[in-house]
C-alpha atoms as a PDB file:
ATOM      1  CA  MET A   1     -90.249-117.440-111.966  1.00  0.00           C
ATOM      2  CA  SER A   2     -86.741-117.600-110.540  1.00  0.00           C
ATOM      3  CA  LYS A   3     -85.898-115.645-107.418  1.00  0.00           C
ATOM      4  CA  VAL A   4     -82.462-114.227-106.652  1.00  0.00           C
ATOM      5  CA  VAL A   5     -81.527-115.665-103.258  1.00  0.00           C
ATOM      6  CA  LEU A   6     -78.557-114.967-101.028  1.00  0.00           C
ATOM      7  CA  ASP A   7     -77.896-118.099 -98.982  1.00  0.00           C
ATOM      8  CA  VAL A   8     -75.057-117.355 -96.585  1.00  0.00           C
ATOM      9  CA  SER A   9     -73.524-118.418 -93.295  1.00  0.00           C
ATOM     10  CA  MET A  10     -72.671-115.562 -90.948  1.00  0.00           C
ATOM     11  CA  SER A  11     -71.059-115.193 -87.529  1.00  0.00           C
ATOM     12  CA  LEU A  12     -73.001-113.654 -84.645  1.00  0.00           C
ATOM     13  CA  ASP A  13     -70.992-110.467 -85.125  1.00  0.00           C
ATOM     14  CA  GLY A  14     -72.028-110.141 -88.776  1.00  0.00           C
ATOM     15  CA  PHE A  15     -69.127-111.553 -90.811  1.00  0.00           C
ATOM     16  CA  THR A  16     -69.409-113.954 -93.763  1.00  0.00           C
ATOM     17  CA  ALA A  17     -65.649-114.591 -93.846  1.00  0.00           C
ATOM     18  CA  GLY A  18     -62.880-114.184 -91.328  1.00  0.00           C
ATOM     19  CA  PRO A  19     -60.026-111.678 -91.523  1.00  0.00           C
ATOM     20  CA  ASN A  20     -57.114-112.093 -93.958  1.00  0.00           C
ATOM     21  CA  VAL A  21     -58.986-113.639 -96.883  1.00  0.00           C
ATOM     22  CA  ARG A  22     -56.376-115.037 -99.290  1.00  0.00           C
ATOM     23  CA  SER A  23     -55.896-117.933-101.705  1.00  0.00           C
ATOM     24  CA  GLU A  24     -54.565-120.225 -98.941  1.00  0.00           C
ATOM     25  CA  GLU A  25     -57.562-119.337 -96.724  1.00  0.00           C
ATOM     26  CA  PRO A  26     -60.428-118.296 -99.046  1.00  0.00           C
ATOM     27  CA  MET A  27     -62.779-117.967 -96.061  1.00  0.00           C
ATOM     28  CA  GLY A  28     -60.201-115.984 -94.060  1.00  0.00           C
ATOM     29  CA  ASP A  29     -58.765-116.923 -90.692  1.00  0.00           C
ATOM     30  CA  GLY A  30     -61.390-119.006 -88.863  1.00  0.00           C
ATOM     31  CA  GLY A  31     -63.996-118.467 -91.570  1.00  0.00           C
ATOM     32  CA  GLU A  32     -64.377-122.149 -92.478  1.00  0.00           C
ATOM     33  CA  ARG A  33     -66.013-122.608 -89.067  1.00  0.00           C
ATOM     34  CA  LEU A  34     -69.025-120.718 -90.446  1.00  0.00           C
ATOM     35  CA  HIS A  35     -69.869-123.818 -92.489  1.00  0.00           C
ATOM     36  CA  GLU A  36     -69.451-126.482 -89.786  1.00  0.00           C
ATOM     37  CA  TRP A  37     -73.246-126.822 -89.574  1.00  0.00           C
ATOM     38  CA  MET A  38     -73.249-128.240 -93.122  1.00  0.00           C
ATOM     39  CA  ALA A  39     -71.595-131.448 -91.891  1.00  0.00           C
ATOM     40  CA  GLY A  40     -74.916-132.403 -90.254  1.00  0.00           C
ATOM     41  CA  GLU A  41     -73.353-133.568 -87.010  1.00  0.00           C
ATOM     42  CA  GLY A  42     -74.131-132.757 -83.400  1.00  0.00           C
ATOM     43  CA  PRO A  43     -77.381-131.919 -81.604  1.00  0.00           C
ATOM     44  CA  ASN A  44     -80.353-131.331 -83.910  1.00  0.00           C
ATOM     45  CA  ALA A  45     -78.266-132.362 -86.920  1.00  0.00           C
ATOM     46  CA  GLU A  46     -81.429-133.190 -88.866  1.00  0.00           C
ATOM     47  CA  VAL A  47     -82.276-129.462 -88.892  1.00  0.00           C
ATOM     48  CA  ASP A  48     -78.928-128.640 -90.511  1.00  0.00           C
ATOM     49  CA  VAL A  49     -79.248-131.473 -93.033  1.00  0.00           C
ATOM     50  CA  ALA A  50     -82.718-130.234 -94.000  1.00  0.00           C
ATOM     51  CA  ALA A  51     -81.396-126.657 -94.433  1.00  0.00           C
ATOM     52  CA  ARG A  52     -78.523-127.887 -96.616  1.00  0.00           C
ATOM     53  CA  ASP A  53     -80.844-130.119 -98.683  1.00  0.00           C
ATOM     54  CA  GLU A  54     -83.211-127.181 -99.207  1.00  0.00           C
ATOM     55  CA  ILE A  55     -80.365-125.096-100.637  1.00  0.00           C
ATOM     56  CA  ASN A  56     -79.333-127.877-102.998  1.00  0.00           C
ATOM     57  CA  ALA A  57     -82.934-128.375-104.147  1.00  0.00           C
ATOM     58  CA  ILE A  58     -83.600-124.742-105.095  1.00  0.00           C
ATOM     59  CA  VAL A  59     -80.398-123.803-106.904  1.00  0.00           C
ATOM     60  CA  GLY A  60     -80.651-123.599-110.696  1.00  0.00           C
ATOM     61  CA  ALA A  61     -77.848-121.114-111.423  1.00  0.00           C
ATOM     62  CA  LEU A  62     -75.369-118.939-109.568  1.00  0.00           C
ATOM     63  CA  VAL A  63     -74.338-115.292-109.562  1.00  0.00           C
ATOM     64  CA  ILE A  64     -70.835-114.992-108.160  1.00  0.00           C
ATOM     65  CA  GLY A  65     -68.642-112.023-107.331  1.00  0.00           C
ATOM     66  CA  ARG A  66     -65.283-111.881-109.102  1.00  0.00           C
ATOM     67  CA  ARG A  67     -63.279-112.145-105.870  1.00  0.00           C
ATOM     68  CA  THR A  68     -65.313-115.167-104.773  1.00  0.00           C
ATOM     69  CA  PHE A  69     -64.679-116.727-108.189  1.00  0.00           C
ATOM     70  CA  ASP A  70     -60.942-115.991-108.070  1.00  0.00           C
ATOM     71  CA  LEU A  71     -60.601-117.465-104.581  1.00  0.00           C
ATOM     72  CA  GLY A  72     -62.997-120.391-105.043  1.00  0.00           C
ATOM     73  CA  LEU A  73     -62.210-121.840-108.458  1.00  0.00           C
ATOM     74  CA  GLU A  74     -59.191-123.822-107.310  1.00  0.00           C
ATOM     75  CA  ASN A  75     -61.067-125.284-104.335  1.00  0.00           C
ATOM     76  CA  TRP A  76     -64.257-126.061-106.244  1.00  0.00           C
ATOM     77  CA  GLY A  77     -62.553-127.581-109.301  1.00  0.00           C
ATOM     78  CA  GLY A  78     -65.213-125.820-111.329  1.00  0.00           C
ATOM     79  CA  THR A  79     -68.546-124.397-110.306  1.00  0.00           C
ATOM     80  CA  PRO A  80     -69.526-124.782-106.631  1.00  0.00           C
ATOM     81  CA  TRP A  81     -72.340-127.155-107.639  1.00  0.00           C
ATOM     82  CA  PRO A  82     -71.167-129.632-110.313  1.00  0.00           C
ATOM     83  CA  GLY A  83     -72.596-128.853-113.741  1.00  0.00           C
ATOM     84  CA  MET A  84     -74.279-125.639-112.552  1.00  0.00           C
ATOM     85  CA  PRO A  85     -74.137-122.544-114.779  1.00  0.00           C
ATOM     86  CA  SER A  86     -72.445-119.690-112.946  1.00  0.00           C
ATOM     87  CA  PHE A  87     -72.363-116.014-113.875  1.00  0.00           C
ATOM     88  CA  VAL A  88     -69.428-114.003-112.558  1.00  0.00           C
ATOM     89  CA  VAL A  89     -70.022-110.282-112.041  1.00  0.00           C
ATOM     90  CA  THR A  90     -66.917-108.426-113.174  1.00  0.00           C
ATOM     91  CA  HIS A  91     -65.556-105.510-115.133  1.00  0.00           C
ATOM     92  CA  ARG A  92     -62.710-107.804-116.268  1.00  0.00           C
ATOM     93  CA  THR A  93     -64.611-109.968-118.720  1.00  0.00           C
ATOM     94  CA  ARG A  94     -63.172-112.962-120.506  1.00  0.00           C
ATOM     95  CA  ASP A  95     -64.403-115.878-122.589  1.00  0.00           C
ATOM     96  CA  ASP A  96     -66.630-118.411-120.857  1.00  0.00           C
ATOM     97  CA  LEU A  97     -64.754-120.997-118.827  1.00  0.00           C
ATOM     98  CA  LEU A  98     -65.734-124.662-118.553  1.00  0.00           C
ATOM     99  CA  GLY A  99     -65.010-125.918-115.050  1.00  0.00           C
ATOM    100  CA  ASP A 100     -63.484-129.322-114.342  1.00  0.00           C
ATOM    101  CA  ASN A 101     -66.836-130.517-112.970  1.00  0.00           C
ATOM    102  CA  GLY A 102     -68.911-129.614-116.019  1.00  0.00           C
ATOM    103  CA  GLY A 103     -70.255-126.217-114.988  1.00  0.00           C
ATOM    104  CA  THR A 104     -69.710-123.126-117.096  1.00  0.00           C
ATOM    105  CA  PHE A 105     -68.613-119.720-115.844  1.00  0.00           C
ATOM    106  CA  ALA A 106     -69.737-116.687-117.871  1.00  0.00           C
ATOM    107  CA  PHE A 107     -68.424-113.186-117.174  1.00  0.00           C
ATOM    108  CA  GLY A 108     -70.230-109.844-117.380  1.00  0.00           C
ATOM    109  CA  GLY A 109     -71.996-107.004-115.602  1.00  0.00           C
ATOM    110  CA  LEU A 110     -74.464-107.192-112.721  1.00  0.00           C
ATOM    111  CA  GLU A 111     -77.785-106.900-114.544  1.00  0.00           C
ATOM    112  CA  GLU A 112     -76.607-109.108-117.406  1.00  0.00           C
ATOM    113  CA  ALA A 113     -75.467-111.785-114.939  1.00  0.00           C
ATOM    114  CA  VAL A 114     -78.843-111.798-113.168  1.00  0.00           C
ATOM    115  CA  ARG A 115     -80.795-111.911-116.432  1.00  0.00           C
ATOM    116  CA  ARG A 116     -78.705-114.762-117.824  1.00  0.00           C
ATOM    117  CA  ALA A 117     -78.774-116.658-114.518  1.00  0.00           C
ATOM    118  CA  LYS A 118     -82.580-116.414-114.304  1.00  0.00           C
ATOM    119  CA  ASP A 119     -82.875-117.725-117.869  1.00  0.00           C
ATOM    120  CA  ALA A 120     -80.513-120.604-117.066  1.00  0.00           C
ATOM    121  CA  ALA A 121     -82.216-121.436-113.747  1.00  0.00           C
ATOM    122  CA  GLY A 122     -85.576-122.176-115.357  1.00  0.00           C
ATOM    123  CA  ASP A 123     -88.064-122.897-112.561  1.00  0.00           C
ATOM    124  CA  LYS A 124     -85.336-122.991-109.881  1.00  0.00           C
ATOM    125  CA  ASP A 125     -83.674-120.065-108.110  1.00  0.00           C
ATOM    126  CA  VAL A 126     -80.510-118.080-108.645  1.00  0.00           C
ATOM    127  CA  LEU A 127     -78.131-118.377-105.707  1.00  0.00           C
ATOM    128  CA  VAL A 128     -75.812-115.470-104.880  1.00  0.00           C
ATOM    129  CA  MET A 129     -72.242-116.027-103.720  1.00  0.00           C
ATOM    130  CA  GLY A 130     -70.183-113.170-102.322  1.00  0.00           C
ATOM    131  CA  ALA A 131     -70.986-110.469 -99.767  1.00  0.00           C
ATOM    132  CA  ASP A 132     -70.002-107.590-102.053  1.00  0.00           C
ATOM    133  CA  ILE A 133     -72.183-108.831-104.917  1.00  0.00           C
ATOM    134  CA  ALA A 134     -75.050-109.418-102.473  1.00  0.00           C
ATOM    135  CA  GLY A 135     -74.802-105.763-101.445  1.00  0.00           C
ATOM    136  CA  GLN A 136     -74.711-104.622-105.068  1.00  0.00           C
ATOM    137  CA  LEU A 137     -77.782-106.725-105.866  1.00  0.00           C
ATOM    138  CA  LEU A 138     -79.619-105.349-102.842  1.00  0.00           C
ATOM    139  CA  GLY A 139     -78.746-101.789-103.848  1.00  0.00           C
ATOM    140  CA  ALA A 140     -79.920-102.412-107.418  1.00  0.00           C
ATOM    141  CA  GLY A 141     -83.245-103.891-106.258  1.00  0.00           C
ATOM    142  CA  LEU A 142     -82.350-107.304-107.713  1.00  0.00           C
ATOM    143  CA  LEU A 143     -82.161-109.393-104.522  1.00  0.00           C
ATOM    144  CA  ASP A 144     -85.408-111.188-103.592  1.00  0.00           C
ATOM    145  CA  GLU A 145     -84.573-113.277-100.518  1.00  0.00           C
ATOM    146  CA  VAL A 146     -81.924-113.775 -97.843  1.00  0.00           C
ATOM    147  CA  HIS A 147     -81.419-117.212 -96.301  1.00  0.00           C
ATOM    148  CA  LEU A 148     -79.172-116.722 -93.302  1.00  0.00           C
ATOM    149  CA  HIS A 149     -77.373-119.441 -91.357  1.00  0.00           C
ATOM    150  CA  LEU A 150     -76.248-117.819 -88.127  1.00  0.00           C
ATOM    151  CA  ALA A 151     -73.205-119.669 -86.771  1.00  0.00           C
ATOM    152  CA  PRO A 152     -72.589-119.545 -83.017  1.00  0.00           C
ATOM    153  CA  LEU A 153     -69.180-117.889 -83.143  1.00  0.00           C
ATOM    154  CA  LEU A 154     -67.609-114.448 -83.105  1.00  0.00           C
ATOM    155  CA  LEU A 155     -64.954-113.772 -85.742  1.00  0.00           C
ATOM    156  CA  GLY A 156     -64.123-110.281 -84.457  1.00  0.00           C
ATOM    157  CA  GLN A 157     -63.436-109.000 -87.948  1.00  0.00           C
ATOM    158  CA  GLY A 158     -63.677-110.065 -91.555  1.00  0.00           C
ATOM    159  CA  THR A 159     -66.092-109.552 -94.442  1.00  0.00           C
ATOM    160  CA  ALA A 160     -69.256-107.831 -93.234  1.00  0.00           C
ATOM    161  CA  LEU A 161     -72.595-108.715 -94.800  1.00  0.00           C
ATOM    162  CA  PHE A 162     -74.395-105.763 -96.451  1.00  0.00           C
ATOM    163  CA  ALA A 163     -71.889-103.224 -95.123  1.00  0.00           C
ATOM    164  CA  GLY A 164     -73.343 -99.775 -95.835  1.00  0.00           C
ATOM    165  CA  HIS A 165     -76.630-101.042 -97.322  1.00  0.00           C
ATOM    166  CA  ARG A 166     -80.102-100.601 -95.868  1.00  0.00           C
ATOM    167  CA  ALA A 167     -83.278-102.583 -96.516  1.00  0.00           C
ATOM    168  CA  GLU A 168     -86.430-103.866 -94.861  1.00  0.00           C
ATOM    169  CA  LEU A 169     -86.541-107.650 -94.555  1.00  0.00           C
ATOM    170  CA  ILE A 170     -89.695-109.641 -93.838  1.00  0.00           C
ATOM    171  CA  GLN A 171     -89.277-112.959 -92.070  1.00  0.00           C
ATOM    172  CA  GLU A 172     -90.523-115.976 -94.009  1.00  0.00           C
ATOM    173  CA  GLY A 173     -91.413-119.061 -92.009  1.00  0.00           C
ATOM    174  CA  ARG A 174     -89.976-119.894 -88.621  1.00  0.00           C
ATOM    175  CA  ALA A 175     -86.371-119.968 -87.517  1.00  0.00           C
ATOM    176  CA  THR A 176     -84.954-123.459 -87.057  1.00  0.00           C
ATOM    177  CA  VAL A 177     -82.025-124.301 -84.820  1.00  0.00           C
ATOM    178  CA  GLY A 178     -79.360-126.941 -85.313  1.00  0.00           C
ATOM    179  CA  GLY A 179     -75.620-126.297 -85.341  1.00  0.00           C
ATOM    180  CA  ALA A 180     -76.638-122.876 -86.731  1.00  0.00           C
ATOM    181  CA  THR A 181     -79.836-120.857 -86.552  1.00  0.00           C
ATOM    182  CA  HIS A 182     -81.486-120.902 -89.971  1.00  0.00           C
ATOM    183  CA  LEU A 183     -83.522-117.833 -90.942  1.00  0.00           C
ATOM    184  CA  ARG A 184     -85.288-116.766 -94.139  1.00  0.00           C
ATOM    185  CA  TYR A 185     -86.269-113.272 -95.185  1.00  0.00           C
ATOM    186  CA  ARG A 186     -87.948-111.682 -98.165  1.00  0.00           C
ATOM    187  CA  VAL A 187     -86.594-108.301 -99.269  1.00  0.00           C
ATOM    188  CA  GLN A 188     -89.374-105.732 -99.106  1.00  0.00           C
ATOM    189  CA  ARG A 189     -89.670-103.664-102.278  1.00  0.00           C
END
C-alpha cells in the first residue's frame, strides 16, 4: 500500500526555502543551495546519489501545494518527474492540466488529492511537495513518513517546515552523511 512521504531538503535552522519566495526565485533567496547535494559531487557523493536514487525509485504520484505548483510549473515544464501524475491541493480548482513533459496535474481538496494520488501510485509512494501542504497532511493524520535532507547552511529566514504543528517521529534506519545529512522518520500515530 502506498505511503504518503514528505521528502524535503532543509537548512540547519529549519527552512525549506529562503526568504522572498517569488516567481524569479521559487526557492527564495539562497534556497536553491538546499538542493546542492543532489548534484552528487564532493566528499561522500555516493551517499547523496544513493539518497536521490531512492527518492526517484519510490515516487509513484505527487501531492503538491497550490503555491508550489504556481511557482514550479514554469521551471518544471510540467510535473516535477516527467509523466508523473500530480495532485494539486487547492480551493481554486480547474480542469486537469497536461504538462509539457507528459504528466497530468489534477486539482482538488486535501483528502481527495491523497486518495487519488494513492490510487495512481499503485505499489509506489506518494511524494509531498510544499511545506504548507506537508503541515496540513500532518495535522490531518495523512502523512506517513518524513525523509529529511539536512543541508549544512543557515538561511536565517524563509519557509519553516511544520510551523505550528506537533508530532512524534520515529527514526527509521541510520542517518547517512554526504553533502547533506539524510534522515528518515515514520510519523507515530
